Amino acid sequence: MGLFGKKKKEEKVNQPISSDQIVFEELGNSSDERLLQIADQMKQHVPYIINFEGLDIDDINKAIAFLSGITYALNGEVVIIKEKILMFGDQDSFEDGSLKTFLQELN
């Protein structure tokens, strides 16, 4: 069993830090196709900061509801950065602490 534990530690050492992987996006539409693309990236441990300011309220609600559901399914977190700017990340993205540090530096 000790070998399995070492392998997991080696995998984490080789992973880039989460704050370097953040995708910043101004969402232009809330199409199902685009939301699914974002969800697929989030499943690969890519955190997103999304600006919803260009959408109408119905599209904002649709996108946030969908992405919040994906985040919940991945045991992640949704962080409100500004009124219509949110960060979505899965549990693994927050493990190394770099996203928390990034968010603290924004304030």
N, C-alpha and C. Protein backbone atom coordinates (compact mmCIF):
# COMPACT_ATOMS: atom_id res chain seq x y z
N MET A 1 0.81 -1.19 0.00
CA MET A 1 0.00 0.00 0.00
C MET A 1 0.86 1.26 0.00
N GLY A 2 2.04 1.21 0.55
CA GLY A 2 2.89 2.38 0.57
C GLY A 2 3.26 2.86 -0.82
N LEU A 3 3.39 1.94 -1.75
CA LEU A 3 3.73 2.34 -3.11
C LEU A 3 2.64 3.20 -3.74
N PHE A 4 1.38 2.86 -3.45
CA PHE A 4 0.29 3.64 -4.01
C PHE A 4 0.31 5.07 -3.47
N GLY A 5 0.61 5.23 -2.20
CA GLY A 5 0.67 6.55 -1.61
C GLY A 5 1.78 7.39 -2.23
N LYS A 6 2.92 6.80 -2.48
CA LYS A 6 4.02 7.53 -3.10
C LYS A 6 3.67 7.95 -4.52
N LYS A 7 2.98 7.10 -5.24
CA LYS A 7 2.62 7.43 -6.61
C LYS A 7 1.69 8.64 -6.64
N LYS A 8 0.72 8.70 -5.72
CA LYS A 8 -0.19 9.85 -5.67
C LYS A 8 0.58 11.13 -5.36
N LYS A 9 1.54 11.06 -4.44
CA LYS A 9 2.32 12.24 -4.11
C LYS A 9 3.14 12.70 -5.30
N GLU A 10 3.71 11.77 -6.06
CA GLU A 10 4.50 12.12 -7.23
C GLU A 10 3.63 12.80 -8.28
N GLU A 11 2.40 12.32 -8.48
CA GLU A 11 1.50 12.91 -9.45
C GLU A 11 1.20 14.35 -9.08
N LYS A 12 0.97 14.64 -7.80
CA LYS A 12 0.64 15.99 -7.37
C LYS A 12 1.83 16.92 -7.52
N VAL A 13 3.03 16.42 -7.32
CA VAL A 13 4.22 17.25 -7.45
C VAL A 13 4.38 17.72 -8.90
N ASN A 14 4.04 16.89 -9.85
CA ASN A 14 4.21 17.22 -11.26
C ASN A 14 3.10 18.10 -11.82
N GLN A 15 2.04 18.33 -11.08
CA GLN A 15 0.93 19.13 -11.56
C GLN A 15 1.24 20.62 -11.40
N PRO A 16 0.87 21.42 -12.41
CA PRO A 16 1.06 22.87 -12.25
C PRO A 16 0.11 23.41 -11.18
N ILE A 17 0.46 24.57 -10.63
CA ILE A 17 -0.41 25.13 -9.60
C ILE A 17 -1.69 25.65 -10.25
N SER A 18 -2.75 25.59 -9.50
CA SER A 18 -4.08 25.91 -10.02
C SER A 18 -4.21 27.35 -10.48
N SER A 19 -3.59 28.28 -9.76
CA SER A 19 -3.73 29.69 -10.14
C SER A 19 -3.11 29.99 -11.50
N ASP A 20 -2.17 29.16 -11.95
CA ASP A 20 -1.59 29.33 -13.28
C ASP A 20 -2.50 28.78 -14.37
N GLN A 21 -3.51 28.03 -14.01
CA GLN A 21 -4.40 27.41 -14.99
C GLN A 21 -5.74 28.14 -15.13
N ILE A 22 -5.94 29.22 -14.39
CA ILE A 22 -7.23 29.92 -14.43
C ILE A 22 -7.51 30.41 -15.84
N VAL A 23 -8.74 30.16 -16.29
CA VAL A 23 -9.21 30.69 -17.56
C VAL A 23 -10.12 31.88 -17.24
N PHE A 24 -9.78 33.02 -17.81
CA PHE A 24 -10.58 34.22 -17.65
C PHE A 24 -11.44 34.35 -18.90
N GLU A 25 -12.75 34.49 -18.70
CA GLU A 25 -13.64 34.54 -19.86
C GLU A 25 -14.78 35.51 -19.62
N GLU A 26 -15.04 36.32 -20.64
CA GLU A 26 -16.26 37.12 -20.65
C GLU A 26 -17.25 36.32 -21.48
N LEU A 27 -18.24 35.79 -20.82
CA LEU A 27 -19.18 34.90 -21.49
C LEU A 27 -20.07 35.71 -22.43
N GLY A 28 -20.00 35.37 -23.72
CA GLY A 28 -20.76 36.09 -24.72
C GLY A 28 -22.15 35.54 -24.93
N ASN A 29 -22.33 34.28 -24.59
CA ASN A 29 -23.65 33.66 -24.69
C ASN A 29 -23.73 32.50 -23.71
N SER A 30 -24.94 32.05 -23.46
CA SER A 30 -25.11 30.94 -22.52
C SER A 30 -25.62 29.70 -23.26
N SER A 31 -25.07 29.50 -24.46
CA SER A 31 -25.50 28.33 -25.24
C SER A 31 -25.11 27.05 -24.50
N ASP A 32 -25.91 26.04 -24.70
CA ASP A 32 -25.63 24.75 -24.06
C ASP A 32 -24.25 24.24 -24.47
N GLU A 33 -23.90 24.42 -25.73
CA GLU A 33 -22.61 23.95 -26.23
C GLU A 33 -21.45 24.60 -25.47
N ARG A 34 -21.51 25.93 -25.29
CA ARG A 34 -20.42 26.63 -24.60
C ARG A 34 -20.36 26.25 -23.13
N LEU A 35 -21.50 26.13 -22.49
CA LEU A 35 -21.52 25.73 -21.08
C LEU A 35 -20.97 24.32 -20.88
N LEU A 36 -21.28 23.43 -21.82
CA LEU A 36 -20.74 22.07 -21.74
C LEU A 36 -19.22 22.05 -21.96
N GLN A 37 -18.72 22.93 -22.82
CA GLN A 37 -17.27 23.03 -23.02
C GLN A 37 -16.58 23.46 -21.73
N ILE A 38 -17.17 24.44 -21.07
CA ILE A 38 -16.61 24.91 -19.79
C ILE A 38 -16.66 23.78 -18.76
N ALA A 39 -17.78 23.06 -18.71
CA ALA A 39 -17.92 21.95 -17.76
C ALA A 39 -16.86 20.88 -18.01
N ASP A 40 -16.61 20.57 -19.28
CA ASP A 40 -15.58 19.58 -19.61
C ASP A 40 -14.21 20.03 -19.14
N GLN A 41 -13.90 21.32 -19.29
CA GLN A 41 -12.63 21.84 -18.80
C GLN A 41 -12.56 21.79 -17.28
N MET A 42 -13.66 22.11 -16.61
CA MET A 42 -13.68 22.06 -15.15
C MET A 42 -13.45 20.64 -14.64
N LYS A 43 -13.95 19.66 -15.38
CA LYS A 43 -13.71 18.26 -14.99
C LYS A 43 -12.24 17.90 -15.10
N GLN A 44 -11.48 18.67 -15.87
CA GLN A 44 -10.03 18.47 -16.01
C GLN A 44 -9.25 19.36 -15.04
N HIS A 45 -9.95 19.88 -14.02
CA HIS A 45 -9.36 20.67 -12.93
C HIS A 45 -8.91 22.06 -13.39
N VAL A 46 -9.61 22.62 -14.36
CA VAL A 46 -9.31 23.97 -14.83
C VAL A 46 -10.31 24.93 -14.18
N PRO A 47 -9.82 25.85 -13.34
CA PRO A 47 -10.72 26.84 -12.72
C PRO A 47 -11.06 27.95 -13.71
N TYR A 48 -12.24 28.50 -13.57
CA TYR A 48 -12.71 29.57 -14.46
C TYR A 48 -13.10 30.79 -13.65
N ILE A 49 -12.73 31.96 -14.15
CA ILE A 49 -13.28 33.22 -13.68
C ILE A 49 -14.09 33.76 -14.85
N ILE A 50 -15.39 33.90 -14.63
CA ILE A 50 -16.29 34.26 -15.72
C ILE A 50 -16.98 35.58 -15.43
N ASN A 51 -16.93 36.45 -16.43
CA ASN A 51 -17.61 37.74 -16.38
C ASN A 51 -18.93 37.58 -17.12
N PHE A 52 -20.03 37.78 -16.42
CA PHE A 52 -21.37 37.61 -16.98
C PHE A 52 -22.01 38.94 -17.38
N GLU A 53 -21.27 40.04 -17.33
CA GLU A 53 -21.85 41.36 -17.53
C GLU A 53 -22.47 41.57 -18.92
N GLY A 54 -22.03 40.84 -19.92
CA GLY A 54 -22.54 41.02 -21.27
C GLY A 54 -23.83 40.26 -21.56
N LEU A 55 -24.34 39.54 -20.58
CA LEU A 55 -25.54 38.73 -20.79
C LEU A 55 -26.76 39.37 -20.15
N ASP A 56 -27.93 39.02 -20.67
CA ASP A 56 -29.15 39.47 -19.99
C ASP A 56 -29.40 38.59 -18.77
N ILE A 57 -30.28 39.00 -17.92
CA ILE A 57 -30.48 38.34 -16.62
C ILE A 57 -30.89 36.88 -16.75
N ASP A 58 -31.71 36.55 -17.75
CA ASP A 58 -32.12 35.15 -17.92
C ASP A 58 -30.95 34.27 -18.30
N ASP A 59 -30.07 34.78 -19.19
CA ASP A 59 -28.90 34.01 -19.58
C ASP A 59 -27.89 33.88 -18.42
N ILE A 60 -27.79 34.94 -17.63
CA ILE A 60 -26.91 34.89 -16.46
C ILE A 60 -27.40 33.81 -15.50
N ASN A 61 -28.69 33.83 -15.21
CA ASN A 61 -29.25 32.83 -14.30
C ASN A 61 -29.07 31.42 -14.80
N LYS A 62 -29.29 31.20 -16.10
CA LYS A 62 -29.11 29.87 -16.70
C LYS A 62 -27.66 29.41 -16.55
N ALA A 63 -26.72 30.28 -16.93
CA ALA A 63 -25.31 29.91 -16.89
C ALA A 63 -24.83 29.65 -15.46
N ILE A 64 -25.20 30.54 -14.54
CA ILE A 64 -24.75 30.35 -13.16
C ILE A 64 -25.37 29.10 -12.55
N ALA A 65 -26.63 28.84 -12.83
CA ALA A 65 -27.27 27.62 -12.30
C ALA A 65 -26.57 26.37 -12.83
N PHE A 66 -26.28 26.35 -14.12
CA PHE A 66 -25.63 25.18 -14.71
C PHE A 66 -24.22 25.00 -14.14
N LEU A 67 -23.43 26.08 -14.17
CA LEU A 67 -22.04 25.97 -13.71
C LEU A 67 -21.95 25.72 -12.20
N SER A 68 -22.89 26.23 -11.45
CA SER A 68 -22.93 25.94 -10.02
C SER A 68 -23.23 24.46 -9.78
N GLY A 69 -24.11 23.90 -10.59
CA GLY A 69 -24.40 22.47 -10.49
C GLY A 69 -23.20 21.62 -10.81
N ILE A 70 -22.46 21.99 -11.84
CA ILE A 70 -21.23 21.27 -12.19
C ILE A 70 -20.22 21.39 -11.04
N THR A 71 -20.08 22.58 -10.51
CA THR A 71 -19.15 22.81 -9.41
C THR A 71 -19.54 21.97 -8.19
N TYR A 72 -20.82 21.92 -7.89
CA TYR A 72 -21.31 21.10 -6.78
C TYR A 72 -20.98 19.63 -7.01
N ALA A 73 -21.22 19.15 -8.22
CA ALA A 73 -20.95 17.74 -8.53
C ALA A 73 -19.47 17.41 -8.41
N LEU A 74 -18.61 18.41 -8.59
CA LEU A 74 -17.16 18.20 -8.48
C LEU A 74 -16.63 18.56 -7.10
N ASN A 75 -17.55 18.74 -6.14
CA ASN A 75 -17.20 19.12 -4.77
C ASN A 75 -16.36 20.39 -4.73
N GLY A 76 -16.64 21.30 -5.64
CA GLY A 76 -15.86 22.52 -5.74
C GLY A 76 -16.47 23.70 -5.01
N GLU A 77 -16.03 24.88 -5.43
CA GLU A 77 -16.48 26.11 -4.80
C GLU A 77 -16.81 27.14 -5.87
N VAL A 78 -17.80 27.97 -5.56
CA VAL A 78 -18.12 29.14 -6.37
C VAL A 78 -17.79 30.34 -5.51
N VAL A 79 -16.99 31.26 -6.05
CA VAL A 79 -16.57 32.44 -5.30
C VAL A 79 -17.02 33.67 -6.07
N ILE A 80 -17.75 34.55 -5.40
CA ILE A 80 -18.18 35.80 -6.03
C ILE A 80 -17.03 36.79 -5.90
N ILE A 81 -16.52 37.23 -7.04
CA ILE A 81 -15.42 38.19 -7.05
C ILE A 81 -15.98 39.61 -7.10
N LYS A 82 -16.96 39.81 -7.93
CA LYS A 82 -17.65 41.07 -8.09
C LYS A 82 -19.10 40.72 -8.43
N GLU A 83 -19.97 41.69 -8.55
CA GLU A 83 -21.40 41.41 -8.73
C GLU A 83 -21.68 40.39 -9.84
N LYS A 84 -21.10 40.55 -11.00
CA LYS A 84 -21.36 39.63 -12.11
C LYS A 84 -20.09 38.92 -12.58
N ILE A 85 -19.14 38.76 -11.68
CA ILE A 85 -17.90 38.04 -11.98
C ILE A 85 -17.71 36.98 -10.90
N LEU A 86 -17.66 35.72 -11.33
CA LEU A 86 -17.57 34.61 -10.39
C LEU A 86 -16.45 33.66 -10.77
N MET A 87 -15.91 33.00 -9.76
CA MET A 87 -14.92 31.95 -9.98
C MET A 87 -15.57 30.61 -9.70
N PHE A 88 -15.33 29.66 -10.59
CA PHE A 88 -15.81 28.29 -10.44
C PHE A 88 -14.60 27.37 -10.46
N GLY A 89 -14.49 26.49 -9.48
CA GLY A 89 -13.39 25.54 -9.47
C GLY A 89 -13.77 24.27 -8.75
N ASP A 90 -13.23 23.17 -9.20
CA ASP A 90 -13.50 21.89 -8.55
C ASP A 90 -12.64 21.75 -7.29
N GLN A 91 -12.88 20.71 -6.55
CA GLN A 91 -12.18 20.49 -5.28
C GLN A 91 -10.67 20.43 -5.48
N ASP A 92 -10.21 19.74 -6.49
CA ASP A 92 -8.78 19.60 -6.72
C ASP A 92 -8.11 20.94 -7.02
N SER A 93 -8.84 21.83 -7.68
CA SER A 93 -8.28 23.15 -8.00
C SER A 93 -7.96 23.95 -6.75
N PHE A 94 -8.72 23.73 -5.69
CA PHE A 94 -8.52 24.50 -4.45
C PHE A 94 -7.55 23.82 -3.49
N GLU A 95 -7.12 22.60 -3.79
CA GLU A 95 -6.28 21.85 -2.84
C GLU A 95 -4.92 22.47 -2.58
N ASP A 96 -4.28 23.02 -3.61
CA ASP A 96 -2.92 23.52 -3.40
C ASP A 96 -2.87 24.90 -2.74
N GLY A 97 -4.02 25.53 -2.57
CA GLY A 97 -4.08 26.81 -1.89
C GLY A 97 -3.77 28.02 -2.76
N SER A 98 -3.34 27.80 -4.00
CA SER A 98 -2.96 28.92 -4.84
C SER A 98 -4.15 29.77 -5.28
N LEU A 99 -5.33 29.16 -5.40
CA LEU A 99 -6.52 29.94 -5.76
C LEU A 99 -6.94 30.84 -4.61
N LYS A 100 -6.85 30.34 -3.39
CA LYS A 100 -7.18 31.17 -2.22
C LYS A 100 -6.21 32.36 -2.14
N THR A 101 -4.93 32.11 -2.39
CA THR A 101 -3.94 33.18 -2.38
C THR A 101 -4.23 34.19 -3.48
N PHE A 102 -4.56 33.71 -4.66
CA PHE A 102 -4.90 34.58 -5.78
C PHE A 102 -6.08 35.48 -5.44
N LEU A 103 -7.11 34.89 -4.84
CA LEU A 103 -8.30 35.67 -4.47
C LEU A 103 -7.99 36.71 -3.39
N GLN A 104 -7.14 36.36 -2.44
CA GLN A 104 -6.75 37.31 -1.40
C GLN A 104 -5.99 38.49 -1.99
N GLU A 105 -5.17 38.22 -3.01
CA GLU A 105 -4.39 39.29 -3.64
C GLU A 105 -5.28 40.23 -4.46
N LEU A 106 -6.44 39.77 -4.88
CA LEU A 106 -7.37 40.62 -5.62
C LEU A 106 -7.97 41.70 -4.75
N ASN A 107 -8.11 41.40 -3.46
CA ASN A 107 -8.73 42.36 -2.53
C ASN A 107 -7.78 43.34 -2.06
